[in-house]
Amino acid sequence: MASRRNLKKDLNFITWELISECLVYQILHPEVPDEKIMQAIEEIAEKHNELLALVNAPENRHDRALAKKNYLAVRKGFLDMVQIINALSAS
């Protein structure tokens, strides 16, 4: 299993990349309301905090099945963050 330290670094990296993607989208598409882009950034930040809490304090980390379930939830959270960007560009 990868270290939690590397997982947190990856989480921070992906979060900032997605936020910068929102800002680039805002520059390239001025017709999109700023409120919609700011809402996407807020959702990404909220998801980041949720995932960071899951990584920092996994429930019952000594039980392999529960730990695996926890890290699968983190993986799904990464995909949810990307879906926020996809929804922004689809509209």
PDB file of N, CA and C in Angstrom:
ATOM      1  N   MET A   1       0.850  -1.170   0.000  1.00  0.00           N
ATOM      2  CA  MET A   1       0.000   0.000   0.000  1.00  0.00           C
ATOM      3  C   MET A   1       0.899   1.237   0.000  1.00  0.00           C
ATOM      4  N   ALA A   2       0.508   2.218  -0.747  1.00  0.00           N
ATOM      5  CA  ALA A   2       1.276   3.457  -0.816  1.00  0.00           C
ATOM      6  C   ALA A   2       1.170   4.196   0.518  1.00  0.00           C
ATOM      7  N   SER A   3       2.116   5.069   0.746  1.00  0.00           N
ATOM      8  CA  SER A   3       2.099   5.795   2.008  1.00  0.00           C
ATOM      9  C   SER A   3       1.040   6.894   1.986  1.00  0.00           C
ATOM     10  N   ARG A   4       0.544   7.196   3.173  1.00  0.00           N
ATOM     11  CA  ARG A   4      -0.453   8.264   3.273  1.00  0.00           C
ATOM     12  C   ARG A   4       0.160   9.606   2.912  1.00  0.00           C
ATOM     13  N   ARG A   5       1.430   9.760   3.179  1.00  0.00           N
ATOM     14  CA  ARG A   5       2.109  11.015   2.847  1.00  0.00           C
ATOM     15  C   ARG A   5       2.060  11.267   1.341  1.00  0.00           C
ATOM     16  N   ASN A   6       2.378  10.257   0.551  1.00  0.00           N
ATOM     17  CA  ASN A   6       2.327  10.407  -0.906  1.00  0.00           C
ATOM     18  C   ASN A   6       0.895  10.604  -1.392  1.00  0.00           C
ATOM     19  N   LEU A   7      -0.040   9.938  -0.756  1.00  0.00           N
ATOM     20  CA  LEU A   7      -1.438  10.087  -1.137  1.00  0.00           C
ATOM     21  C   LEU A   7      -1.914  11.519  -0.891  1.00  0.00           C
ATOM     22  N   LYS A   8      -1.507  12.097   0.236  1.00  0.00           N
ATOM     23  CA  LYS A   8      -1.887  13.484   0.526  1.00  0.00           C
ATOM     24  C   LYS A   8      -1.236  14.447  -0.457  1.00  0.00           C
ATOM     25  N   LYS A   9       0.006  14.184  -0.833  1.00  0.00           N
ATOM     26  CA  LYS A   9       0.673  15.027  -1.831  1.00  0.00           C
ATOM     27  C   LYS A   9      -0.055  14.951  -3.165  1.00  0.00           C
ATOM     28  N   ASP A  10      -0.448  13.750  -3.561  1.00  0.00           N
ATOM     29  CA  ASP A  10      -1.195  13.587  -4.810  1.00  0.00           C
ATOM     30  C   ASP A  10      -2.544  14.290  -4.743  1.00  0.00           C
ATOM     31  N   LEU A  11      -3.194  14.192  -3.605  1.00  0.00           N
ATOM     32  CA  LEU A  11      -4.485  14.851  -3.426  1.00  0.00           C
ATOM     33  C   LEU A  11      -4.344  16.365  -3.568  1.00  0.00           C
ATOM     34  N   ASN A  12      -3.329  16.925  -2.937  1.00  0.00           N
ATOM     35  CA  ASN A  12      -3.099  18.370  -3.053  1.00  0.00           C
ATOM     36  C   ASN A  12      -2.766  18.760  -4.484  1.00  0.00           C
ATOM     37  N   PHE A  13      -1.935  17.973  -5.144  1.00  0.00           N
ATOM     38  CA  PHE A  13      -1.550  18.277  -6.521  1.00  0.00           C
ATOM     39  C   PHE A  13      -2.763  18.274  -7.448  1.00  0.00           C
ATOM     40  N   ILE A  14      -3.570  17.234  -7.347  1.00  0.00           N
ATOM     41  CA  ILE A  14      -4.739  17.129  -8.226  1.00  0.00           C
ATOM     42  C   ILE A  14      -5.740  18.241  -7.929  1.00  0.00           C
ATOM     43  N   THR A  15      -5.910  18.571  -6.662  1.00  0.00           N
ATOM     44  CA  THR A  15      -6.834  19.652  -6.310  1.00  0.00           C
ATOM     45  C   THR A  15      -6.406  20.964  -6.945  1.00  0.00           C
ATOM     46  N   TRP A  16      -5.128  21.303  -6.827  1.00  0.00           N
ATOM     47  CA  TRP A  16      -4.662  22.575  -7.395  1.00  0.00           C
ATOM     48  C   TRP A  16      -4.686  22.547  -8.913  1.00  0.00           C
ATOM     49  N   GLU A  17      -4.460  21.404  -9.509  1.00  0.00           N
ATOM     50  CA  GLU A  17      -4.565  21.308 -10.973  1.00  0.00           C
ATOM     51  C   GLU A  17      -6.006  21.531 -11.432  1.00  0.00           C
ATOM     52  N   LEU A  18      -6.957  20.972 -10.714  1.00  0.00           N
ATOM     53  CA  LEU A  18      -8.359  21.150 -11.083  1.00  0.00           C
ATOM     54  C   LEU A  18      -8.816  22.593 -10.874  1.00  0.00           C
ATOM     55  N   ILE A  19      -8.345  23.214  -9.807  1.00  0.00           N
ATOM     56  CA  ILE A  19      -8.690  24.622  -9.583  1.00  0.00           C
ATOM     57  C   ILE A  19      -8.082  25.495 -10.670  1.00  0.00           C
ATOM     58  N   SER A  20      -6.844  25.220 -11.043  1.00  0.00           N
ATOM     59  CA  SER A  20      -6.233  26.012 -12.119  1.00  0.00           C
ATOM     60  C   SER A  20      -6.943  25.758 -13.441  1.00  0.00           C
ATOM     61  N   GLU A  21      -7.435  24.550 -13.646  1.00  0.00           N
ATOM     62  CA  GLU A  21      -8.213  24.248 -14.852  1.00  0.00           C
ATOM     63  C   GLU A  21      -9.498  25.077 -14.883  1.00  0.00           C
ATOM     64  N   CYS A  22     -10.127  25.242 -13.731  1.00  0.00           N
ATOM     65  CA  CYS A  22     -11.323  26.093 -13.656  1.00  0.00           C
ATOM     66  C   CYS A  22     -10.991  27.533 -14.021  1.00  0.00           C
ATOM     67  N   LEU A  23      -9.869  28.022 -13.527  1.00  0.00           N
ATOM     68  CA  LEU A  23      -9.493  29.408 -13.810  1.00  0.00           C
ATOM     69  C   LEU A  23      -9.139  29.603 -15.278  1.00  0.00           C
ATOM     70  N   VAL A  24      -8.487  28.635 -15.876  1.00  0.00           N
ATOM     71  CA  VAL A  24      -8.186  28.709 -17.309  1.00  0.00           C
ATOM     72  C   VAL A  24      -9.479  28.666 -18.108  1.00  0.00           C
ATOM     73  N   TYR A  25     -10.406  27.834 -17.691  1.00  0.00           N
ATOM     74  CA  TYR A  25     -11.707  27.748 -18.370  1.00  0.00           C
ATOM     75  C   TYR A  25     -12.427  29.092 -18.290  1.00  0.00           C
ATOM     76  N   GLN A  26     -12.308  29.748 -17.148  1.00  0.00           N
ATOM     77  CA  GLN A  26     -12.938  31.055 -16.965  1.00  0.00           C
ATOM     78  C   GLN A  26     -12.350  32.086 -17.928  1.00  0.00           C
ATOM     79  N   ILE A  27     -11.060  32.033 -18.155  1.00  0.00           N
ATOM     80  CA  ILE A  27     -10.405  32.969 -19.068  1.00  0.00           C
ATOM     81  C   ILE A  27     -10.781  32.665 -20.512  1.00  0.00           C
ATOM     82  N   LEU A  28     -10.808  31.397 -20.871  1.00  0.00           N
ATOM     83  CA  LEU A  28     -11.080  31.013 -22.256  1.00  0.00           C
ATOM     84  C   LEU A  28     -12.558  31.102 -22.634  1.00  0.00           C
ATOM     85  N   HIS A  29     -13.432  31.039 -21.647  1.00  0.00           N
ATOM     86  CA  HIS A  29     -14.872  31.076 -21.911  1.00  0.00           C
ATOM     87  C   HIS A  29     -15.517  32.179 -21.070  1.00  0.00           C
ATOM     88  N   PRO A  30     -15.361  33.431 -21.482  1.00  0.00           N
ATOM     89  CA  PRO A  30     -15.921  34.530 -20.675  1.00  0.00           C
ATOM     90  C   PRO A  30     -17.450  34.548 -20.657  1.00  0.00           C
ATOM     91  N   GLU A  31     -18.086  33.805 -21.561  1.00  0.00           N
ATOM     92  CA  GLU A  31     -19.554  33.789 -21.591  1.00  0.00           C
ATOM     93  C   GLU A  31     -20.152  32.983 -20.440  1.00  0.00           C
ATOM     94  N   VAL A  32     -19.361  32.129 -19.823  1.00  0.00           N
ATOM     95  CA  VAL A  32     -19.835  31.331 -18.687  1.00  0.00           C
ATOM     96  C   VAL A  32     -19.846  32.226 -17.445  1.00  0.00           C
ATOM     97  N   PRO A  33     -20.953  32.234 -16.703  1.00  0.00           N
ATOM     98  CA  PRO A  33     -21.022  33.092 -15.511  1.00  0.00           C
ATOM     99  C   PRO A  33     -19.934  32.735 -14.488  1.00  0.00           C
ATOM    100  N   ASP A  34     -19.367  33.768 -13.892  1.00  0.00           N
ATOM    101  CA  ASP A  34     -18.315  33.557 -12.897  1.00  0.00           C
ATOM    102  C   ASP A  34     -18.825  32.772 -11.689  1.00  0.00           C
ATOM    103  N   GLU A  35     -20.100  32.943 -11.355  1.00  0.00           N
ATOM    104  CA  GLU A  35     -20.661  32.246 -10.200  1.00  0.00           C
ATOM    105  C   GLU A  35     -20.608  30.730 -10.393  1.00  0.00           C
ATOM    106  N   LYS A  36     -20.836  30.291 -11.615  1.00  0.00           N
ATOM    107  CA  LYS A  36     -20.817  28.855 -11.905  1.00  0.00           C
ATOM    108  C   LYS A  36     -19.406  28.285 -11.716  1.00  0.00           C
ATOM    109  N   ILE A  37     -18.413  29.026 -12.155  1.00  0.00           N
ATOM    110  CA  ILE A  37     -17.026  28.574 -12.012  1.00  0.00           C
ATOM    111  C   ILE A  37     -16.603  28.608 -10.545  1.00  0.00           C
ATOM    112  N   MET A  38     -17.006  29.656  -9.834  1.00  0.00           N
ATOM    113  CA  MET A  38     -16.658  29.739  -8.416  1.00  0.00           C
ATOM    114  C   MET A  38     -17.346  28.620  -7.624  1.00  0.00           C
ATOM    115  N   GLN A  39     -18.552  28.255  -8.031  1.00  0.00           N
ATOM    116  CA  GLN A  39     -19.245  27.146  -7.376  1.00  0.00           C
ATOM    117  C   GLN A  39     -18.479  25.836  -7.597  1.00  0.00           C
ATOM    118  N   ALA A  40     -17.959  25.640  -8.809  1.00  0.00           N
ATOM    119  CA  ALA A  40     -17.176  24.432  -9.096  1.00  0.00           C
ATOM    120  C   ALA A  40     -15.908  24.408  -8.246  1.00  0.00           C
ATOM    121  N   ILE A  41     -15.260  25.564  -8.098  1.00  0.00           N
ATOM    122  CA  ILE A  41     -14.047  25.640  -7.273  1.00  0.00           C
ATOM    123  C   ILE A  41     -14.380  25.320  -5.817  1.00  0.00           C
ATOM    124  N   GLU A  42     -15.503  25.839  -5.324  1.00  0.00           N
ATOM    125  CA  GLU A  42     -15.913  25.552  -3.948  1.00  0.00           C
ATOM    126  C   GLU A  42     -16.199  24.062  -3.752  1.00  0.00           C
ATOM    127  N   GLU A  43     -16.842  23.440  -4.733  1.00  0.00           N
ATOM    128  CA  GLU A  43     -17.125  22.003  -4.641  1.00  0.00           C
ATOM    129  C   GLU A  43     -15.834  21.195  -4.617  1.00  0.00           C
ATOM    130  N   ILE A  44     -14.869  21.603  -5.431  1.00  0.00           N
ATOM    131  CA  ILE A  44     -13.578  20.908  -5.450  1.00  0.00           C
ATOM    132  C   ILE A  44     -12.883  21.056  -4.102  1.00  0.00           C
ATOM    133  N   ALA A  45     -12.923  22.262  -3.533  1.00  0.00           N
ATOM    134  CA  ALA A  45     -12.285  22.491  -2.236  1.00  0.00           C
ATOM    135  C   ALA A  45     -12.969  21.680  -1.134  1.00  0.00           C
ATOM    136  N   GLU A  46     -14.296  21.614  -1.164  1.00  0.00           N
ATOM    137  CA  GLU A  46     -15.019  20.818  -0.169  1.00  0.00           C
ATOM    138  C   GLU A  46     -14.671  19.338  -0.297  1.00  0.00           C
ATOM    139  N   LYS A  47     -14.625  18.852  -1.525  1.00  0.00           N
ATOM    140  CA  LYS A  47     -14.285  17.448  -1.764  1.00  0.00           C
ATOM    141  C   LYS A  47     -12.855  17.166  -1.297  1.00  0.00           C
ATOM    142  N   HIS A  48     -11.951  18.122  -1.526  1.00  0.00           N
ATOM    143  CA  HIS A  48     -10.564  17.987  -1.067  1.00  0.00           C
ATOM    144  C   HIS A  48     -10.522  17.808   0.445  1.00  0.00           C
ATOM    145  N   ASN A  49     -11.277  18.636   1.163  1.00  0.00           N
ATOM    146  CA  ASN A  49     -11.287  18.544   2.623  1.00  0.00           C
ATOM    147  C   ASN A  49     -11.865  17.211   3.097  1.00  0.00           C
ATOM    148  N   GLU A  50     -12.913  16.735   2.427  1.00  0.00           N
ATOM    149  CA  GLU A  50     -13.498  15.442   2.789  1.00  0.00           C
ATOM    150  C   GLU A  50     -12.496  14.307   2.582  1.00  0.00           C
ATOM    151  N   LEU A  51     -11.819  14.333   1.442  1.00  0.00           N
ATOM    152  CA  LEU A  51     -10.860  13.265   1.145  1.00  0.00           C
ATOM    153  C   LEU A  51      -9.660  13.326   2.080  1.00  0.00           C
ATOM    154  N   LEU A  52      -9.227  14.537   2.410  1.00  0.00           N
ATOM    155  CA  LEU A  52      -8.105  14.683   3.332  1.00  0.00           C
ATOM    156  C   LEU A  52      -8.471  14.125   4.707  1.00  0.00           C
ATOM    157  N   ALA A  53      -9.704  14.332   5.125  1.00  0.00           N
ATOM    158  CA  ALA A  53     -10.157  13.775   6.401  1.00  0.00           C
ATOM    159  C   ALA A  53     -10.169  12.247   6.348  1.00  0.00           C
ATOM    160  N   LEU A  54     -10.574  11.675   5.212  1.00  0.00           N
ATOM    161  CA  LEU A  54     -10.563  10.215   5.076  1.00  0.00           C
ATOM    162  C   LEU A  54      -9.144   9.656   5.125  1.00  0.00           C
ATOM    163  N   VAL A  55      -8.211  10.365   4.508  1.00  0.00           N
ATOM    164  CA  VAL A  55      -6.828   9.889   4.479  1.00  0.00           C
ATOM    165  C   VAL A  55      -6.177  10.054   5.847  1.00  0.00           C
ATOM    166  N   ASN A  56      -6.433  11.177   6.520  1.00  0.00           N
ATOM    167  CA  ASN A  56      -5.798  11.445   7.808  1.00  0.00           C
ATOM    168  C   ASN A  56      -6.299  10.536   8.919  1.00  0.00           C
ATOM    169  N   ALA A  57      -7.572  10.243   8.928  1.00  0.00           N
ATOM    170  CA  ALA A  57      -8.145   9.454  10.020  1.00  0.00           C
ATOM    171  C   ALA A  57      -8.998   8.320   9.466  1.00  0.00           C
ATOM    172  N   PRO A  58      -8.363   7.324   8.877  1.00  0.00           N
ATOM    173  CA  PRO A  58      -9.160   6.209   8.356  1.00  0.00           C
ATOM    174  C   PRO A  58      -9.812   5.437   9.502  1.00  0.00           C
ATOM    175  N   GLU A  59     -11.037   5.028   9.271  1.00  0.00           N
ATOM    176  CA  GLU A  59     -11.741   4.254  10.290  1.00  0.00           C
ATOM    177  C   GLU A  59     -11.176   2.842  10.342  1.00  0.00           C
ATOM    178  N   ASN A  60     -10.764   2.426  11.520  1.00  0.00           N
ATOM    179  CA  ASN A  60     -10.324   1.049  11.735  1.00  0.00           C
ATOM    180  C   ASN A  60      -9.258   0.625  10.734  1.00  0.00           C
ATOM    181  N   ARG A  61      -8.178   1.361  10.672  1.00  0.00           N
ATOM    182  CA  ARG A  61      -7.164   1.092   9.651  1.00  0.00           C
ATOM    183  C   ARG A  61      -6.422  -0.227   9.848  1.00  0.00           C
ATOM    184  N   HIS A  62      -6.587  -0.852  11.003  1.00  0.00           N
ATOM    185  CA  HIS A  62      -5.916  -2.134  11.230  1.00  0.00           C
ATOM    186  C   HIS A  62      -6.700  -3.301  10.626  1.00  0.00           C
ATOM    187  N   ASP A  63      -7.944  -3.064  10.294  1.00  0.00           N
ATOM    188  CA  ASP A  63      -8.757  -4.074   9.618  1.00  0.00           C
ATOM    189  C   ASP A  63      -8.592  -3.859   8.114  1.00  0.00           C
ATOM    190  N   ARG A  64      -7.971  -4.804   7.444  1.00  0.00           N
ATOM    191  CA  ARG A  64      -7.628  -4.635   6.021  1.00  0.00           C
ATOM    192  C   ARG A  64      -8.848  -4.391   5.139  1.00  0.00           C
ATOM    193  N   ALA A  65      -9.927  -5.073   5.406  1.00  0.00           N
ATOM    194  CA  ALA A  65     -11.123  -4.919   4.565  1.00  0.00           C
ATOM    195  C   ALA A  65     -11.699  -3.513   4.691  1.00  0.00           C
ATOM    196  N   LEU A  66     -11.757  -3.000   5.917  1.00  0.00           N
ATOM    197  CA  LEU A  66     -12.282  -1.648   6.110  1.00  0.00           C
ATOM    198  C   LEU A  66     -11.322  -0.597   5.569  1.00  0.00           C
ATOM    199  N   ALA A  67     -10.019  -0.840   5.707  1.00  0.00           N
ATOM    200  CA  ALA A  67      -9.038   0.105   5.173  1.00  0.00           C
ATOM    201  C   ALA A  67      -9.126   0.161   3.652  1.00  0.00           C
ATOM    202  N   LYS A  68      -9.295  -0.997   3.035  1.00  0.00           N
ATOM    203  CA  LYS A  68      -9.420  -1.031   1.578  1.00  0.00           C
ATOM    204  C   LYS A  68     -10.676  -0.295   1.131  1.00  0.00           C
ATOM    205  N   LYS A  69     -11.753  -0.491   1.864  1.00  0.00           N
ATOM    206  CA  LYS A  69     -13.005   0.196   1.554  1.00  0.00           C
ATOM    207  C   LYS A  69     -12.825   1.713   1.682  1.00  0.00           C
ATOM    208  N   ASN A  70     -12.080   2.133   2.686  1.00  0.00           N
ATOM    209  CA  ASN A  70     -11.820   3.553   2.900  1.00  0.00           C
ATOM    210  C   ASN A  70     -11.026   4.142   1.731  1.00  0.00           C
ATOM    211  N   TYR A  71      -9.995   3.448   1.289  1.00  0.00           N
ATOM    212  CA  TYR A  71      -9.173   3.971   0.204  1.00  0.00           C
ATOM    213  C   TYR A  71      -9.882   3.878  -1.146  1.00  0.00           C
ATOM    214  N   LEU A  72     -10.817   2.959  -1.288  1.00  0.00           N
ATOM    215  CA  LEU A  72     -11.653   2.946  -2.492  1.00  0.00           C
ATOM    216  C   LEU A  72     -12.564   4.173  -2.513  1.00  0.00           C
ATOM    217  N   ALA A  73     -13.013   4.597  -1.335  1.00  0.00           N
ATOM    218  CA  ALA A  73     -13.814   5.825  -1.246  1.00  0.00           C
ATOM    219  C   ALA A  73     -12.974   7.040  -1.625  1.00  0.00           C
ATOM    220  N   VAL A  74     -11.696   7.025  -1.258  1.00  0.00           N
ATOM    221  CA  VAL A  74     -10.797   8.118  -1.647  1.00  0.00           C
ATOM    222  C   VAL A  74     -10.633   8.125  -3.163  1.00  0.00           C
ATOM    223  N   ARG A  75     -10.464   6.965  -3.752  1.00  0.00           N
ATOM    224  CA  ARG A  75     -10.325   6.875  -5.212  1.00  0.00           C
ATOM    225  C   ARG A  75     -11.578   7.400  -5.907  1.00  0.00           C
ATOM    226  N   LYS A  76     -12.745   7.026  -5.395  1.00  0.00           N
ATOM    227  CA  LYS A  76     -14.000   7.511  -5.964  1.00  0.00           C
ATOM    228  C   LYS A  76     -14.094   9.030  -5.808  1.00  0.00           C
ATOM    229  N   GLY A  77     -13.587   9.545  -4.710  1.00  0.00           N
ATOM    230  CA  GLY A  77     -13.594  10.991  -4.492  1.00  0.00           C
ATOM    231  C   GLY A  77     -12.749  11.726  -5.517  1.00  0.00           C
ATOM    232  N   PHE A  78     -11.605  11.135  -5.885  1.00  0.00           N
ATOM    233  CA  PHE A  78     -10.780  11.723  -6.943  1.00  0.00           C
ATOM    234  C   PHE A  78     -11.586  11.825  -8.238  1.00  0.00           C
ATOM    235  N   LEU A  79     -12.285  10.763  -8.571  1.00  0.00           N
ATOM    236  CA  LEU A  79     -13.078  10.753  -9.801  1.00  0.00           C
ATOM    237  C   LEU A  79     -14.233  11.747  -9.732  1.00  0.00           C
ATOM    238  N   ASP A  80     -14.813  11.906  -8.549  1.00  0.00           N
ATOM    239  CA  ASP A  80     -15.886  12.889  -8.389  1.00  0.00           C
ATOM    240  C   ASP A  80     -15.376  14.307  -8.622  1.00  0.00           C
ATOM    241  N   MET A  81     -14.146  14.572  -8.186  1.00  0.00           N
ATOM    242  CA  MET A  81     -13.564  15.900  -8.407  1.00  0.00           C
ATOM    243  C   MET A  81     -13.402  16.167  -9.900  1.00  0.00           C
ATOM    244  N   VAL A  82     -13.001  15.170 -10.645  1.00  0.00           N
ATOM    245  CA  VAL A  82     -12.836  15.331 -12.091  1.00  0.00           C
ATOM    246  C   VAL A  82     -14.198  15.513 -12.758  1.00  0.00           C
ATOM    247  N   GLN A  83     -15.219  14.832 -12.243  1.00  0.00           N
ATOM    248  CA  GLN A  83     -16.560  14.972 -12.812  1.00  0.00           C
ATOM    249  C   GLN A  83     -17.107  16.386 -12.645  1.00  0.00           C
ATOM    250  N   ILE A  84     -16.673  17.091 -11.610  1.00  0.00           N
ATOM    251  CA  ILE A  84     -17.089  18.485 -11.429  1.00  0.00           C
ATOM    252  C   ILE A  84     -16.596  19.322 -12.599  1.00  0.00           C
ATOM    253  N   ILE A  85     -15.358  19.091 -13.024  1.00  0.00           N
ATOM    254  CA  ILE A  85     -14.797  19.817 -14.169  1.00  0.00           C
ATOM    255  C   ILE A  85     -15.517  19.410 -15.450  1.00  0.00           C
ATOM    256  N   ASN A  86     -15.786  18.134 -15.611  1.00  0.00           N
ATOM    257  CA  ASN A  86     -16.491  17.672 -16.809  1.00  0.00           C
ATOM    258  C   ASN A  86     -17.880  18.286 -16.908  1.00  0.00           C
ATOM    259  N   ALA A  87     -18.562  18.414 -15.786  1.00  0.00           N
ATOM    260  CA  ALA A  87     -19.893  19.022 -15.791  1.00  0.00           C
ATOM    261  C   ALA A  87     -19.813  20.499 -16.158  1.00  0.00           C
ATOM    262  N   LEU A  88     -18.744  21.150 -15.747  1.00  0.00           N
ATOM    263  CA  LEU A  88     -18.564  22.568 -16.060  1.00  0.00           C
ATOM    264  C   LEU A  88     -18.376  22.764 -17.555  1.00  0.00           C
ATOM    265  N   SER A  89     -17.574  21.922 -18.171  1.00  0.00           N
ATOM    266  CA  SER A  89     -17.299  22.081 -19.596  1.00  0.00           C
ATOM    267  C   SER A  89     -18.432  21.545 -20.467  1.00  0.00           C
ATOM    268  N   ALA A  90     -19.290  20.680 -19.922  1.00  0.00           N
ATOM    269  CA  ALA A  90     -20.388  20.124 -20.714  1.00  0.00           C
ATOM    270  C   ALA A  90     -21.517  21.128 -20.916  1.00  0.00           C
ATOM    271  N   SER A  91     -21.621  22.076 -20.013  1.00  0.00           N
ATOM    272  CA  SER A  91     -22.735  23.024 -20.129  1.00  0.00           C
ATOM    273  C   SER A  91     -22.394  24.250 -20.939  1.00  0.00           C
TER     274      SER A  91
END
